[in-house]
Amino acid sequence: MLYRIASIDAYLEDHRPVEFFGLYWHFVDIVWVFLFPLFYLV
């Protein structure tokens, strides 16, 4: 992914890798919103 970011105009035609990367981190954030209170409040 870093290689594609470094190359010029890498994401002008295909935005899916960036969208998948964003969806992955949103999923991780949502999981931690539930896991963090579960570990510390229970």
N, C-alpha and C. Protein backbone atom coordinates (compact mmCIF):
# COMPACT_ATOMS: atom_id res chain seq x y z
N MET A 1 0.83 -1.19 0.00
CA MET A 1 0.00 0.00 0.00
C MET A 1 0.87 1.25 0.00
N LEU A 2 1.96 1.22 0.74
CA LEU A 2 2.86 2.38 0.74
C LEU A 2 3.44 2.62 -0.65
N TYR A 3 3.68 1.53 -1.39
CA TYR A 3 4.20 1.68 -2.74
C TYR A 3 3.20 2.42 -3.62
N ARG A 4 1.92 2.08 -3.49
CA ARG A 4 0.89 2.73 -4.31
C ARG A 4 0.71 4.18 -3.90
N ILE A 5 0.86 4.48 -2.61
CA ILE A 5 0.75 5.86 -2.15
C ILE A 5 1.91 6.69 -2.71
N ALA A 6 3.09 6.08 -2.75
CA ALA A 6 4.27 6.81 -3.21
C ALA A 6 4.24 7.05 -4.72
N SER A 7 3.60 6.17 -5.47
CA SER A 7 3.57 6.37 -6.91
C SER A 7 2.57 7.46 -7.25
N ILE A 8 2.88 8.18 -8.30
CA ILE A 8 2.06 9.33 -8.70
C ILE A 8 0.76 8.82 -9.34
N ASP A 9 -0.35 9.43 -8.97
CA ASP A 9 -1.69 9.12 -9.51
C ASP A 9 -2.08 7.66 -9.27
N ALA A 10 -1.68 7.07 -8.18
CA ALA A 10 -1.96 5.66 -7.94
C ALA A 10 -3.44 5.42 -7.65
N TYR A 11 -4.11 6.36 -7.01
CA TYR A 11 -5.49 6.12 -6.58
C TYR A 11 -6.52 6.96 -7.34
N LEU A 12 -6.15 7.50 -8.46
CA LEU A 12 -7.12 8.29 -9.19
C LEU A 12 -8.20 7.43 -9.84
N GLU A 13 -7.85 6.23 -10.26
CA GLU A 13 -8.82 5.37 -10.93
C GLU A 13 -9.48 4.37 -9.99
N ASP A 14 -8.73 3.85 -9.04
CA ASP A 14 -9.24 2.78 -8.18
C ASP A 14 -9.12 3.20 -6.72
N HIS A 15 -10.26 3.47 -6.09
CA HIS A 15 -10.28 3.92 -4.70
C HIS A 15 -10.56 2.79 -3.72
N ARG A 16 -10.76 1.58 -4.22
CA ARG A 16 -11.14 0.48 -3.34
C ARG A 16 -10.11 0.17 -2.27
N PRO A 17 -8.80 0.13 -2.55
CA PRO A 17 -7.86 -0.17 -1.45
C PRO A 17 -7.93 0.83 -0.31
N VAL A 18 -8.12 2.09 -0.63
CA VAL A 18 -8.23 3.11 0.42
C VAL A 18 -9.52 2.92 1.20
N GLU A 19 -10.61 2.61 0.51
CA GLU A 19 -11.88 2.39 1.18
C GLU A 19 -11.82 1.16 2.08
N PHE A 20 -11.20 0.09 1.61
CA PHE A 20 -11.08 -1.12 2.43
C PHE A 20 -10.22 -0.86 3.66
N PHE A 21 -9.15 -0.09 3.50
CA PHE A 21 -8.29 0.26 4.62
C PHE A 21 -9.08 1.07 5.65
N GLY A 22 -9.89 2.01 5.19
CA GLY A 22 -10.73 2.81 6.09
C GLY A 22 -11.78 1.98 6.78
N LEU A 23 -12.41 1.06 6.03
CA LEU A 23 -13.41 0.19 6.64
C LEU A 23 -12.80 -0.72 7.69
N TYR A 24 -11.59 -1.20 7.44
CA TYR A 24 -10.90 -2.04 8.42
C TYR A 24 -10.68 -1.27 9.72
N TRP A 25 -10.18 -0.03 9.64
CA TRP A 25 -9.90 0.73 10.85
C TRP A 25 -11.18 1.15 11.57
N HIS A 26 -12.25 1.39 10.82
CA HIS A 26 -13.53 1.68 11.48
C HIS A 26 -14.01 0.45 12.23
N PHE A 27 -13.84 -0.73 11.64
CA PHE A 27 -14.22 -1.97 12.32
C PHE A 27 -13.40 -2.14 13.60
N VAL A 28 -12.10 -1.90 13.54
CA VAL A 28 -11.25 -2.01 14.72
C VAL A 28 -11.70 -1.03 15.80
N ASP A 29 -12.03 0.20 15.40
CA ASP A 29 -12.50 1.20 16.37
C ASP A 29 -13.81 0.76 17.03
N ILE A 30 -14.73 0.24 16.26
CA ILE A 30 -16.01 -0.19 16.82
C ILE A 30 -15.82 -1.35 17.79
N VAL A 31 -14.94 -2.28 17.43
CA VAL A 31 -14.67 -3.41 18.33
C VAL A 31 -14.10 -2.91 19.65
N TRP A 32 -13.16 -1.94 19.60
CA TRP A 32 -12.57 -1.45 20.84
C TRP A 32 -13.54 -0.62 21.67
N VAL A 33 -14.53 0.00 21.03
CA VAL A 33 -15.54 0.74 21.80
C VAL A 33 -16.30 -0.22 22.71
N PHE A 34 -16.49 -1.46 22.26
CA PHE A 34 -17.19 -2.44 23.10
C PHE A 34 -16.24 -3.22 24.01
N LEU A 35 -15.04 -3.51 23.54
CA LEU A 35 -14.11 -4.31 24.35
C LEU A 35 -13.51 -3.53 25.51
N PHE A 36 -13.20 -2.28 25.31
CA PHE A 36 -12.56 -1.48 26.36
C PHE A 36 -13.43 -1.39 27.61
N PRO A 37 -14.70 -1.00 27.50
CA PRO A 37 -15.53 -0.99 28.72
C PRO A 37 -15.77 -2.39 29.28
N LEU A 38 -15.84 -3.39 28.41
CA LEU A 38 -16.05 -4.75 28.89
C LEU A 38 -14.90 -5.20 29.78
N PHE A 39 -13.68 -4.90 29.37
CA PHE A 39 -12.51 -5.31 30.17
C PHE A 39 -12.37 -4.52 31.45
N TYR A 40 -12.71 -3.25 31.44
CA TYR A 40 -12.45 -2.41 32.60
C TYR A 40 -13.65 -2.23 33.54
N LEU A 41 -14.84 -2.54 33.06
CA LEU A 41 -16.01 -2.37 33.92
C LEU A 41 -16.52 -3.69 34.48
N VAL A 42 -16.10 -4.78 33.90
CA VAL A 42 -16.58 -6.09 34.37
C VAL A 42 -15.55 -6.72 35.27
